[in-house]
Amino acid sequence: MAVVGQIARPHGIRGQVVVNAETDFPADRFVPGARLFVQRAGAVDSITITTVRFHQGRPVVGVEGVSDMNAAQALAGLELRVPVADLAPLPADTFYRHDLVGCEVETTDGLKIGAVVRVEGSIADSRLVVDAPRGEILIPLVHEICPTIEPARKRIVIAPPEGLLEANETQSRKADRKSQS
């Protein structure tokens, strides 16, 4: 399943929720009657959108069976997903974020960094989380730093500015380095 949004918070007292869309097609994805999937308590449940309006660029949706603020609050933080087969085909040289998971990351001079374990952040501000030998490294997903992205070949070539890899390593890796000194 692919993530298309995350429920941010309740909106009003009638059970509507604000969604942080993680799709380039929010007006197509969030429509009355749309069926999305959430995982809670270890089970996957489907939800159906009953109403939609956009406020400050974000969908505010009503969900079937959710009629008050307390029920809406229980949905906060849940990821909204759809089957990968339901995703729209993309133009050439574009990709879905989930296509990057598992890609091997290397520098332009061939230094192997590690594999992408997830993509974090919003669509406009994404970063790769790379599992490197000494811990996770965060790499901004921008063309200047990631000039070659080949999801079909499971390969990403990066041109990191000096110090980027060291500056974006996770706290666990920094703590390991401190304990070794």
Protein backbone atom coordinates (compact mmCIF):
# COMPACT_ATOMS: atom_id res chain seq x y z
CA MET A 1 0.00 0.00 0.00
CA ALA A 2 1.11 3.56 -0.68
CA VAL A 3 0.67 6.49 1.70
CA VAL A 4 -1.45 9.30 0.22
CA GLY A 5 -1.92 11.37 3.38
CA GLN A 6 -1.93 11.54 7.13
CA ILE A 7 -4.76 12.67 9.38
CA ALA A 8 -3.44 15.73 11.20
CA ARG A 9 -6.23 16.64 13.62
CA PRO A 10 -9.96 17.07 14.06
CA HIS A 11 -11.60 20.08 12.47
CA GLY A 12 -14.72 21.42 14.15
CA ILE A 13 -17.24 19.49 16.21
CA ARG A 14 -18.91 17.39 13.49
CA GLY A 15 -16.19 14.77 13.07
CA GLN A 16 -14.26 16.20 10.15
CA VAL A 17 -10.47 15.87 10.02
CA VAL A 18 -7.67 17.86 8.41
CA VAL A 19 -5.44 15.77 6.16
CA ASN A 20 -1.80 16.42 5.32
CA ALA A 21 -1.88 15.21 1.72
CA GLU A 22 1.10 13.22 0.48
CA THR A 23 0.00 13.09 -3.12
CA ASP A 24 0.42 15.35 -6.10
CA PHE A 25 -3.26 14.75 -6.88
CA PRO A 26 -5.21 15.66 -3.71
CA ALA A 27 -8.32 16.84 -5.60
CA ASP A 28 -8.47 13.44 -7.36
CA ARG A 29 -7.60 11.29 -4.34
CA PHE A 30 -9.79 12.93 -1.69
CA VAL A 31 -13.33 12.83 -3.08
CA PRO A 32 -16.67 11.75 -1.57
CA GLY A 33 -16.98 7.99 -1.86
CA ALA A 34 -13.23 7.37 -1.96
CA ARG A 35 -12.15 4.33 0.03
CA LEU A 36 -8.84 4.60 1.87
CA PHE A 37 -7.11 2.28 4.30
CA VAL A 38 -5.68 2.85 7.78
CA GLN A 39 -3.83 0.59 10.16
CA ARG A 40 -4.83 0.65 13.80
CA ALA A 41 -4.40 -1.89 16.55
CA GLY A 42 -2.50 -4.12 14.14
CA ALA A 43 -5.42 -4.45 11.71
CA VAL A 44 -6.03 -2.75 8.39
CA ASP A 45 -9.42 -1.04 8.18
CA SER A 46 -11.06 0.75 5.30
CA ILE A 47 -12.62 4.17 5.69
CA THR A 48 -14.90 5.99 3.26
CA ILE A 49 -14.78 9.72 2.67
CA THR A 50 -18.22 11.34 2.87
CA THR A 51 -17.41 15.04 2.41
CA VAL A 52 -14.44 17.05 1.22
CA ARG A 53 -13.50 20.69 1.09
CA PHE A 54 -10.12 22.33 0.91
CA HIS A 55 -8.99 24.86 3.51
CA GLN A 56 -5.63 26.61 3.05
CA GLY A 57 -4.68 23.98 0.49
CA ARG A 58 -5.36 20.98 2.74
CA PRO A 59 -8.29 18.58 2.49
CA VAL A 60 -10.82 18.70 5.31
CA VAL A 61 -12.73 15.44 5.08
CA GLY A 62 -15.71 13.78 6.68
CA VAL A 63 -15.38 10.05 7.32
CA GLU A 64 -18.28 7.60 7.33
CA GLY A 65 -19.20 6.71 10.92
CA VAL A 66 -17.23 9.61 12.45
CA SER A 67 -19.67 12.24 13.68
CA ASP A 68 -18.05 14.11 16.56
CA MET A 69 -14.78 15.65 17.66
CA ASN A 70 -13.87 12.75 19.97
CA ALA A 71 -14.22 10.17 17.21
CA ALA A 72 -12.23 12.41 14.87
CA GLN A 73 -9.48 12.83 17.49
CA ALA A 74 -9.08 9.03 17.58
CA LEU A 75 -8.07 9.17 13.89
CA ALA A 76 -5.32 11.79 14.38
CA GLY A 77 -1.93 10.55 13.24
CA LEU A 78 -3.21 7.68 11.09
CA GLU A 79 -1.71 7.30 7.64
CA LEU A 80 -4.14 7.09 4.75
CA ARG A 81 -3.16 4.46 2.20
CA VAL A 82 -4.30 3.03 -1.11
CA PRO A 83 -3.26 -0.15 -2.93
CA VAL A 84 -0.25 0.48 -5.17
CA ALA A 85 -2.31 -0.87 -8.08
CA ASP A 86 -4.71 2.08 -7.64
CA LEU A 87 -1.99 4.70 -8.18
CA ALA A 88 -2.10 6.73 -11.37
CA PRO A 89 0.62 6.06 -13.93
CA LEU A 90 3.31 8.72 -13.88
CA PRO A 91 5.07 10.53 -16.71
CA ALA A 92 8.58 9.45 -17.68
CA ASP A 93 11.38 10.43 -15.27
CA THR A 94 9.00 10.74 -12.31
CA PHE A 95 8.46 8.33 -9.43
CA TYR A 96 6.47 7.68 -6.31
CA ARG A 97 8.29 8.11 -3.01
CA HIS A 98 7.75 4.46 -2.05
CA ASP A 99 9.62 3.46 -5.25
CA LEU A 100 12.81 4.80 -3.64
CA VAL A 101 12.75 2.45 -0.66
CA GLY A 102 15.40 -0.21 -1.22
CA CYS A 103 17.42 1.88 -3.67
CA GLU A 104 21.18 1.74 -3.14
CA VAL A 105 22.74 5.18 -2.67
CA GLU A 106 26.23 6.00 -3.91
CA THR A 107 28.18 9.17 -4.57
CA THR A 108 29.13 10.38 -8.04
CA ASP A 109 32.64 9.01 -7.44
CA GLY A 110 31.29 5.52 -6.62
CA LEU A 111 31.41 5.56 -2.79
CA LYS A 112 28.63 3.26 -1.52
CA ILE A 113 26.55 4.98 1.18
CA GLY A 114 23.76 2.48 1.94
CA ALA A 115 20.13 1.68 1.13
CA VAL A 116 17.07 3.91 1.41
CA VAL A 117 14.84 2.64 4.25
CA ARG A 118 12.18 5.36 4.00
CA VAL A 119 11.41 8.81 2.64
CA GLU A 120 10.42 11.42 5.23
CA GLY A 121 8.94 14.89 5.13
CA SER A 122 6.37 16.53 2.93
CA ILE A 123 6.35 16.31 -0.83
CA ALA A 124 7.96 19.75 -1.05
CA ASP A 125 10.56 18.99 1.63
CA SER A 126 11.47 15.29 1.35
CA ARG A 127 14.58 13.57 2.57
CA LEU A 128 15.94 10.08 2.09
CA VAL A 129 16.68 8.05 5.21
CA VAL A 130 19.63 5.86 4.28
CA ASP A 131 20.80 2.87 6.34
CA ALA A 132 24.57 3.29 6.30
CA PRO A 133 27.12 1.02 7.99
CA ARG A 134 27.38 3.26 11.08
CA GLY A 135 23.75 4.42 11.30
CA GLU A 136 21.10 6.31 9.39
CA ILE A 137 21.99 9.31 7.23
CA LEU A 138 19.47 11.91 6.09
CA ILE A 139 19.85 13.20 2.54
CA PRO A 140 17.68 16.01 1.12
CA LEU A 141 15.75 14.78 -1.91
CA VAL A 142 16.56 17.64 -4.27
CA HIS A 143 17.91 17.47 -7.82
CA GLU A 144 21.14 19.31 -6.95
CA ILE A 145 22.06 16.62 -4.40
CA CYS A 146 20.33 13.62 -6.04
CA PRO A 147 20.97 14.15 -9.78
CA THR A 148 20.45 10.50 -10.76
CA ILE A 149 17.41 8.61 -9.50
CA GLU A 150 16.74 5.26 -11.15
CA PRO A 151 13.99 3.43 -9.23
CA ALA A 152 13.80 0.61 -11.81
CA ARG A 153 17.52 -0.09 -11.25
CA LYS A 154 17.15 0.52 -7.47
CA ARG A 155 19.93 3.12 -7.68
CA ILE A 156 20.38 6.73 -6.57
CA VAL A 157 23.56 8.68 -7.25
CA ILE A 158 24.19 11.68 -5.01
CA ALA A 159 26.51 14.68 -5.28
CA PRO A 160 26.61 15.77 -1.64
CA PRO A 161 28.08 19.15 -0.79
CA GLU A 162 31.09 18.94 1.51
CA GLY A 163 30.04 17.99 5.04
CA LEU A 164 26.44 17.03 4.15
CA LEU A 165 26.77 13.34 5.01
CA GLU A 166 28.44 14.05 8.34
CA ALA A 167 26.04 16.87 9.23
CA ASN A 168 22.95 14.75 8.52
CA GLU A 169 23.88 11.57 10.31
CA THR A 170 21.45 10.57 13.04
CA GLN A 171 22.00 11.13 16.73
CA SER A 172 22.69 7.41 17.37
CA ARG A 173 25.66 7.52 15.02
CA LYS A 174 26.96 10.75 16.64
CA ALA A 175 26.58 9.18 20.09
CA ASP A 176 28.52 6.10 18.93
CA ARG A 177 31.33 8.30 17.68
CA LYS A 178 31.49 10.24 20.97
CA SER A 179 31.65 7.04 23.04
CA GLN A 180 34.56 5.81 20.91
CA SER A 181 36.64 8.96 21.52
